[in-house]
Amino acid sequence: MKPWSARIAIVATVTVTVAGCSSSSSSGSDGAAGSCGKVAACGGNLVGTWTIVAGCQSGAPSIPMNPACQSETVQSGPVTASGTATFNADMTYSVSLTETTTDTLVVPTSCLAQGGVTLTCDQLAGVLNNALSGDAGTATTCTTSGSSCNCPLTVSATRGPEMGTYAVSGNTFTTTSSGTTGTPAGYCVQGNTLHVLATTMAMGASTTVDLVATKQ
């Protein structure tokens, strides 16, 4: 089962790909979308059908990605999200979610030297494109900026239609679908607005994606 945020999958993809060779932004309509990234987990009553109207990420604006090269980072970019999620009183749920995030990978050319050979920015783009092809990523090009390669990465992830059960513990909930239990996600219900908060860690830096939904 996919995590509640595509951002988690993106960070994992970039980490594996590159290691092997805070600002925030939001999308959506005014009103509920305006609170994106400004709410902490507070719990509340999840029951109902929710329309996802916005997404944003906050936390570390630049995340280190490679323990062998601390200057290699991913710079956070905008998130867009849409779809619906229904949480029923009998503890069943259904969700259909599409999320797109655009970050920029910054890799010093000194990090691209292996076995006496240094990859070019074009060659790095080829490695990334091969990795992203399985994660609904769009093709990237890496440009040289001083002594670094800058590579914008846009990845879209679709979750669902998915159905299963959910459990609530304090200010978090966990979903189980097809026998697989997902990662707990923080949440906060304020009136007719739901915030689902998914946090990812990389090299000691954390980024939280906030998916904002309004009750139908």
C-alpha atoms as a PDB file:
ATOM      1  CA  MET A   1       0.000   0.000   0.000  1.00  0.00           C
ATOM      2  CA  LYS A   2       1.310   3.445  -0.845  1.00  0.00           C
ATOM      3  CA  PRO A   3       2.113   6.003   1.857  1.00  0.00           C
ATOM      4  CA  TRP A   4      -0.259   8.912   2.408  1.00  0.00           C
ATOM      5  CA  SER A   5       2.216  11.212   0.712  1.00  0.00           C
ATOM      6  CA  ALA A   6       4.008  10.768  -2.603  1.00  0.00           C
ATOM      7  CA  ARG A   7       6.804  12.846  -1.086  1.00  0.00           C
ATOM      8  CA  ILE A   8       7.907   9.822   0.960  1.00  0.00           C
ATOM      9  CA  ALA A   9       8.320   7.758  -2.198  1.00  0.00           C
ATOM     10  CA  ILE A  10      10.214  10.559  -3.930  1.00  0.00           C
ATOM     11  CA  VAL A  11      12.752  10.962  -1.133  1.00  0.00           C
ATOM     12  CA  ALA A  12      13.300   7.193  -1.069  1.00  0.00           C
ATOM     13  CA  THR A  13      13.799   7.067  -4.840  1.00  0.00           C
ATOM     14  CA  VAL A  14      16.316   9.904  -4.900  1.00  0.00           C
ATOM     15  CA  THR A  15      18.234   8.553  -1.908  1.00  0.00           C
ATOM     16  CA  VAL A  16      18.675   5.090  -3.390  1.00  0.00           C
ATOM     17  CA  THR A  17      19.475   6.381  -6.863  1.00  0.00           C
ATOM     18  CA  VAL A  18      22.092   8.978  -6.016  1.00  0.00           C
ATOM     19  CA  ALA A  19      23.691   7.329  -3.010  1.00  0.00           C
ATOM     20  CA  GLY A  20      24.171   4.279  -5.174  1.00  0.00           C
ATOM     21  CA  CYS A  21      26.270   5.878  -7.920  1.00  0.00           C
ATOM     22  CA  SER A  22      11.999  25.676   5.506  1.00  0.00           C
ATOM     23  CA  SER A  23      10.242  26.757   2.774  1.00  0.00           C
ATOM     24  CA  SER A  24       6.739  25.580   1.945  1.00  0.00           C
ATOM     25  CA  SER A  25       4.390  25.878  -1.000  1.00  0.00           C
ATOM     26  CA  SER A  26       0.813  24.863  -1.616  1.00  0.00           C
ATOM     27  CA  SER A  27      -1.857  24.446  -4.221  1.00  0.00           C
ATOM     28  CA  GLY A  28      -5.616  24.631  -4.042  1.00  0.00           C
ATOM     29  CA  SER A  29      -8.442  27.067  -3.579  1.00  0.00           C
ATOM     30  CA  ASP A  30      -8.586  29.828  -0.969  1.00  0.00           C
ATOM     31  CA  GLY A  31     -10.093  29.138   2.451  1.00  0.00           C
ATOM     32  CA  ALA A  32      -9.107  25.648   3.604  1.00  0.00           C
ATOM     33  CA  ALA A  33      -6.008  25.689   1.394  1.00  0.00           C
ATOM     34  CA  GLY A  34      -4.826  28.812   3.176  1.00  0.00           C
ATOM     35  CA  SER A  35      -4.278  26.805   6.357  1.00  0.00           C
ATOM     36  CA  CYS A  36      -1.997  24.302   4.626  1.00  0.00           C
ATOM     37  CA  GLY A  37       1.225  23.786   6.534  1.00  0.00           C
ATOM     38  CA  LYS A  38       0.007  25.800   9.521  1.00  0.00           C
ATOM     39  CA  VAL A  39      -1.691  23.095  11.583  1.00  0.00           C
ATOM     40  CA  ALA A  40      -0.291  20.512  14.001  1.00  0.00           C
ATOM     41  CA  ALA A  41      -1.845  17.098  14.595  1.00  0.00           C
ATOM     42  CA  CYS A  42      -4.833  17.528  16.907  1.00  0.00           C
ATOM     43  CA  GLY A  43      -7.026  14.474  16.229  1.00  0.00           C
ATOM     44  CA  GLY A  44     -10.802  14.778  15.952  1.00  0.00           C
ATOM     45  CA  ASN A  45     -13.663  12.952  14.245  1.00  0.00           C
ATOM     46  CA  LEU A  46     -12.516  11.492  10.903  1.00  0.00           C
ATOM     47  CA  VAL A  47     -15.923  10.095   9.933  1.00  0.00           C
ATOM     48  CA  GLY A  48     -17.238  11.488   6.659  1.00  0.00           C
ATOM     49  CA  THR A  49     -16.329  11.960   3.015  1.00  0.00           C
ATOM     50  CA  TRP A  50     -13.560  14.470   2.369  1.00  0.00           C
ATOM     51  CA  THR A  51     -12.539  16.211  -0.850  1.00  0.00           C
ATOM     52  CA  ILE A  52      -8.790  16.822  -1.050  1.00  0.00           C
ATOM     53  CA  VAL A  53      -8.272  20.444  -2.111  1.00  0.00           C
ATOM     54  CA  ALA A  54      -4.605  21.256  -1.454  1.00  0.00           C
ATOM     55  CA  GLY A  55      -1.184  19.995  -0.545  1.00  0.00           C
ATOM     56  CA  CYS A  56       1.992  21.617   0.735  1.00  0.00           C
ATOM     57  CA  GLN A  57       5.251  20.711   2.415  1.00  0.00           C
ATOM     58  CA  SER A  58       7.137  22.409   5.181  1.00  0.00           C
ATOM     59  CA  GLY A  59      10.211  21.812   7.272  1.00  0.00           C
ATOM     60  CA  ALA A  60      13.751  21.564   5.992  1.00  0.00           C
ATOM     61  CA  PRO A  61      13.963  23.550   2.721  1.00  0.00           C
ATOM     62  CA  SER A  62      17.100  21.631   1.773  1.00  0.00           C
ATOM     63  CA  ILE A  63      17.456  17.978   2.751  1.00  0.00           C
ATOM     64  CA  PRO A  64      20.870  16.234   2.759  1.00  0.00           C
ATOM     65  CA  MET A  65      20.624  13.004   0.793  1.00  0.00           C
ATOM     66  CA  ASN A  66      24.009  11.272   0.887  1.00  0.00           C
ATOM     67  CA  PRO A  67      26.130  10.573   4.003  1.00  0.00           C
ATOM     68  CA  ALA A  68      29.202  10.399   1.786  1.00  0.00           C
ATOM     69  CA  CYS A  69      28.543  13.879   0.357  1.00  0.00           C
ATOM     70  CA  GLN A  70      26.820  16.249   2.771  1.00  0.00           C
ATOM     71  CA  SER A  71      26.502  18.959   0.103  1.00  0.00           C
ATOM     72  CA  GLU A  72      24.172  16.775  -1.974  1.00  0.00           C
ATOM     73  CA  THR A  73      20.638  17.984  -1.223  1.00  0.00           C
ATOM     74  CA  VAL A  74      17.028  17.993  -2.360  1.00  0.00           C
ATOM     75  CA  GLN A  75      15.398  21.429  -2.292  1.00  0.00           C
ATOM     76  CA  SER A  76      11.684  21.313  -1.483  1.00  0.00           C
ATOM     77  CA  GLY A  77       9.242  22.502  -4.146  1.00  0.00           C
ATOM     78  CA  PRO A  78       5.483  22.771  -4.668  1.00  0.00           C
ATOM     79  CA  VAL A  79       2.932  20.023  -4.024  1.00  0.00           C
ATOM     80  CA  THR A  80      -0.449  19.584  -5.712  1.00  0.00           C
ATOM     81  CA  ALA A  81      -3.069  17.103  -4.526  1.00  0.00           C
ATOM     82  CA  SER A  82      -6.617  16.083  -5.431  1.00  0.00           C
ATOM     83  CA  GLY A  83      -9.035  13.238  -4.755  1.00  0.00           C
ATOM     84  CA  THR A  84     -11.453  11.992  -2.093  1.00  0.00           C
ATOM     85  CA  ALA A  85     -11.236   9.986   1.125  1.00  0.00           C
ATOM     86  CA  THR A  86     -14.108   8.448   3.066  1.00  0.00           C
ATOM     87  CA  PHE A  87     -13.857   7.261   6.674  1.00  0.00           C
ATOM     88  CA  ASN A  88     -16.897   5.339   7.872  1.00  0.00           C
ATOM     89  CA  ALA A  89     -18.170   4.888  11.435  1.00  0.00           C
ATOM     90  CA  ASP A  90     -17.639   1.110  11.131  1.00  0.00           C
ATOM     91  CA  MET A  91     -13.850   1.794  10.796  1.00  0.00           C
ATOM     92  CA  THR A  92     -13.712   1.094   7.068  1.00  0.00           C
ATOM     93  CA  TYR A  93     -12.308   3.596   4.589  1.00  0.00           C
ATOM     94  CA  SER A  94     -11.816   4.269   0.906  1.00  0.00           C
ATOM     95  CA  VAL A  95      -9.417   6.676  -0.763  1.00  0.00           C
ATOM     96  CA  SER A  96      -8.508   7.908  -4.226  1.00  0.00           C
ATOM     97  CA  LEU A  97      -5.597  10.357  -4.266  1.00  0.00           C
ATOM     98  CA  THR A  98      -3.362  11.925  -6.896  1.00  0.00           C
ATOM     99  CA  GLU A  99      -0.353  13.891  -5.713  1.00  0.00           C
ATOM    100  CA  THR A 100       2.428  15.638  -7.609  1.00  0.00           C
ATOM    101  CA  THR A 101       5.548  17.177  -6.143  1.00  0.00           C
ATOM    102  CA  THR A 102       8.438  19.004  -7.787  1.00  0.00           C
ATOM    103  CA  ASP A 103      11.796  19.191  -5.995  1.00  0.00           C
ATOM    104  CA  THR A 104      15.284  20.068  -7.164  1.00  0.00           C
ATOM    105  CA  LEU A 105      18.190  17.695  -6.635  1.00  0.00           C
ATOM    106  CA  VAL A 106      21.504  19.542  -6.239  1.00  0.00           C
ATOM    107  CA  VAL A 107      24.576  17.316  -6.643  1.00  0.00           C
ATOM    108  CA  PRO A 108      28.129  18.704  -6.456  1.00  0.00           C
ATOM    109  CA  THR A 109      30.184  17.317  -9.320  1.00  0.00           C
ATOM    110  CA  SER A 110      32.677  16.108  -6.710  1.00  0.00           C
ATOM    111  CA  CYS A 111      30.011  13.613  -5.597  1.00  0.00           C
ATOM    112  CA  LEU A 112      29.826  12.134  -9.097  1.00  0.00           C
ATOM    113  CA  ALA A 113      33.388  10.815  -9.202  1.00  0.00           C
ATOM    114  CA  GLN A 114      33.620   7.035  -9.037  1.00  0.00           C
ATOM    115  CA  GLY A 115      36.574   4.865  -9.960  1.00  0.00           C
ATOM    116  CA  GLY A 116      38.435   7.797 -11.435  1.00  0.00           C
ATOM    117  CA  VAL A 117      35.503   8.695 -13.717  1.00  0.00           C
ATOM    118  CA  THR A 118      33.240  11.706 -13.111  1.00  0.00           C
ATOM    119  CA  LEU A 119      29.701  11.613 -14.463  1.00  0.00           C
ATOM    120  CA  THR A 120      28.482  14.617 -16.392  1.00  0.00           C
ATOM    121  CA  CYS A 121      25.203  16.342 -15.542  1.00  0.00           C
ATOM    122  CA  ASP A 122      23.651  14.763 -18.652  1.00  0.00           C
ATOM    123  CA  GLN A 123      24.726  11.307 -17.502  1.00  0.00           C
ATOM    124  CA  LEU A 124      23.274  11.978 -14.038  1.00  0.00           C
ATOM    125  CA  ALA A 125      19.967  12.914 -15.677  1.00  0.00           C
ATOM    126  CA  GLY A 126      19.978   9.569 -17.461  1.00  0.00           C
ATOM    127  CA  VAL A 127      20.437   7.704 -14.172  1.00  0.00           C
ATOM    128  CA  LEU A 128      17.619   9.665 -12.547  1.00  0.00           C
ATOM    129  CA  ASN A 129      15.258   9.177 -15.493  1.00  0.00           C
ATOM    130  CA  ASN A 130      15.765   5.421 -15.338  1.00  0.00           C
ATOM    131  CA  ALA A 131      14.923   5.446 -11.628  1.00  0.00           C
ATOM    132  CA  LEU A 132      11.902   7.743 -11.943  1.00  0.00           C
ATOM    133  CA  SER A 133      10.349   5.816 -14.816  1.00  0.00           C
ATOM    134  CA  GLY A 134       8.873   3.358 -12.319  1.00  0.00           C
ATOM    135  CA  ASP A 135       7.536   6.103 -10.047  1.00  0.00           C
ATOM    136  CA  ALA A 136       5.426   8.087 -12.516  1.00  0.00           C
ATOM    137  CA  GLY A 137       8.179  10.660 -12.794  1.00  0.00           C
ATOM    138  CA  THR A 138       8.544  13.054 -15.678  1.00  0.00           C
ATOM    139  CA  ALA A 139      11.843  13.212 -17.539  1.00  0.00           C
ATOM    140  CA  THR A 140      14.399  15.516 -15.961  1.00  0.00           C
ATOM    141  CA  THR A 141      17.351  17.402 -17.339  1.00  0.00           C
ATOM    142  CA  CYS A 142      20.308  18.356 -15.162  1.00  0.00           C
ATOM    143  CA  THR A 143      22.017  21.682 -15.781  1.00  0.00           C
ATOM    144  CA  THR A 144      25.424  22.788 -14.590  1.00  0.00           C
ATOM    145  CA  SER A 145      25.406  25.566 -12.003  1.00  0.00           C
ATOM    146  CA  GLY A 146      28.904  26.413 -10.846  1.00  0.00           C
ATOM    147  CA  SER A 147      30.332  23.177  -9.447  1.00  0.00           C
ATOM    148  CA  SER A 148      26.956  21.421  -9.094  1.00  0.00           C
ATOM    149  CA  CYS A 149      24.312  19.700 -11.196  1.00  0.00           C
ATOM    150  CA  ASN A 150      20.782  20.999 -10.614  1.00  0.00           C
ATOM    151  CA  CYS A 151      18.047  18.510 -11.521  1.00  0.00           C
ATOM    152  CA  PRO A 152      14.327  19.367 -11.175  1.00  0.00           C
ATOM    153  CA  LEU A 153      12.350  16.225 -10.292  1.00  0.00           C
ATOM    154  CA  THR A 154       8.594  16.024 -10.812  1.00  0.00           C
ATOM    155  CA  VAL A 155       6.897  12.862  -9.581  1.00  0.00           C
ATOM    156  CA  SER A 156       3.194  12.011  -9.563  1.00  0.00           C
ATOM    157  CA  ALA A 157       1.694   9.244  -7.458  1.00  0.00           C
ATOM    158  CA  THR A 158      -1.832   7.859  -7.528  1.00  0.00           C
ATOM    159  CA  ARG A 159      -3.270   6.012  -4.560  1.00  0.00           C
ATOM    160  CA  GLY A 160      -6.441   4.014  -5.065  1.00  0.00           C
ATOM    161  CA  PRO A 161      -9.164   3.386  -5.521  1.00  0.00           C
ATOM    162  CA  GLU A 162      -8.233   1.682  -2.264  1.00  0.00           C
ATOM    163  CA  MET A 163     -10.431   0.255   0.483  1.00  0.00           C
ATOM    164  CA  GLY A 164      -9.739  -1.262   3.884  1.00  0.00           C
ATOM    165  CA  THR A 165      -9.964  -0.579   7.586  1.00  0.00           C
ATOM    166  CA  TYR A 166      -8.478   2.138   9.741  1.00  0.00           C
ATOM    167  CA  ALA A 167      -7.580   2.595  13.408  1.00  0.00           C
ATOM    168  CA  VAL A 168      -7.187   5.799  15.386  1.00  0.00           C
ATOM    169  CA  SER A 169      -4.702   6.316  18.207  1.00  0.00           C
ATOM    170  CA  GLY A 170      -4.542   9.783  19.715  1.00  0.00           C
ATOM    171  CA  ASN A 171      -3.745  12.260  16.944  1.00  0.00           C
ATOM    172  CA  THR A 172      -2.762   9.617  14.371  1.00  0.00           C
ATOM    173  CA  PHE A 173      -4.536   7.065  12.230  1.00  0.00           C
ATOM    174  CA  THR A 174      -3.321   3.933  10.460  1.00  0.00           C
ATOM    175  CA  THR A 175      -4.908   2.216   7.462  1.00  0.00           C
ATOM    176  CA  THR A 176      -4.832  -1.468   6.547  1.00  0.00           C
ATOM    177  CA  SER A 177      -5.614  -2.668   3.029  1.00  0.00           C
ATOM    178  CA  SER A 178      -5.163  -6.149   1.546  1.00  0.00           C
ATOM    179  CA  GLY A 179      -3.471  -7.283   4.719  1.00  0.00           C
ATOM    180  CA  THR A 180      -0.836  -4.536   4.626  1.00  0.00           C
ATOM    181  CA  THR A 181      -0.725  -1.861   7.315  1.00  0.00           C
ATOM    182  CA  GLY A 182       0.473   1.566   6.291  1.00  0.00           C
ATOM    183  CA  THR A 183       2.596   4.140   8.098  1.00  0.00           C
ATOM    184  CA  PRO A 184       0.733   6.064  10.825  1.00  0.00           C
ATOM    185  CA  ALA A 185      -0.207   9.599   9.742  1.00  0.00           C
ATOM    186  CA  GLY A 186      -0.969  12.540  11.966  1.00  0.00           C
ATOM    187  CA  TYR A 187      -4.260  14.334  11.413  1.00  0.00           C
ATOM    188  CA  CYS A 188      -6.302  17.290  12.601  1.00  0.00           C
ATOM    189  CA  VAL A 189     -10.000  17.981  12.082  1.00  0.00           C
ATOM    190  CA  GLN A 190     -11.019  21.612  12.463  1.00  0.00           C
ATOM    191  CA  GLY A 191     -14.692  22.114  11.661  1.00  0.00           C
ATOM    192  CA  ASN A 192     -15.177  20.966   8.064  1.00  0.00           C
ATOM    193  CA  THR A 193     -11.441  20.864   7.293  1.00  0.00           C
ATOM    194  CA  LEU A 194      -9.166  17.826   7.607  1.00  0.00           C
ATOM    195  CA  HIS A 195      -5.379  17.944   7.582  1.00  0.00           C
ATOM    196  CA  VAL A 196      -3.437  14.701   7.009  1.00  0.00           C
ATOM    197  CA  LEU A 197       0.206  15.126   8.032  1.00  0.00           C
ATOM    198  CA  ALA A 198       2.860  12.751   6.688  1.00  0.00           C
ATOM    199  CA  THR A 199       6.453  13.249   7.836  1.00  0.00           C
ATOM    200  CA  THR A 200       9.561  11.826   6.204  1.00  0.00           C
ATOM    201  CA  MET A 201      13.112  11.830   7.573  1.00  0.00           C
ATOM    202  CA  ALA A 202      16.320  11.948   5.543  1.00  0.00           C
ATOM    203  CA  MET A 203      19.781  12.318   7.055  1.00  0.00           C
ATOM    204  CA  GLY A 204      18.322  13.830  10.223  1.00  0.00           C
ATOM    205  CA  ALA A 205      16.205  16.435   8.401  1.00  0.00           C
ATOM    206  CA  SER A 206      12.425  16.172   8.372  1.00  0.00           C
ATOM    207  CA  THR A 207       9.803  17.376   5.920  1.00  0.00           C
ATOM    208  CA  THR A 208       6.060  17.231   6.553  1.00  0.00           C
ATOM    209  CA  VAL A 209       3.507  17.060   3.760  1.00  0.00           C
ATOM    210  CA  ASP A 210       0.072  18.426   4.662  1.00  0.00           C
ATOM    211  CA  LEU A 211      -2.887  17.181   2.591  1.00  0.00           C
ATOM    212  CA  VAL A 212      -5.913  19.426   3.143  1.00  0.00           C
ATOM    213  CA  ALA A 213      -9.492  18.222   2.589  1.00  0.00           C
ATOM    214  CA  THR A 214     -12.962  19.677   3.089  1.00  0.00           C
ATOM    215  CA  LYS A 215     -15.996  17.710   4.229  1.00  0.00           C
ATOM    216  CA  GLN A 216     -18.660  17.012   1.592  1.00  0.00           C
END
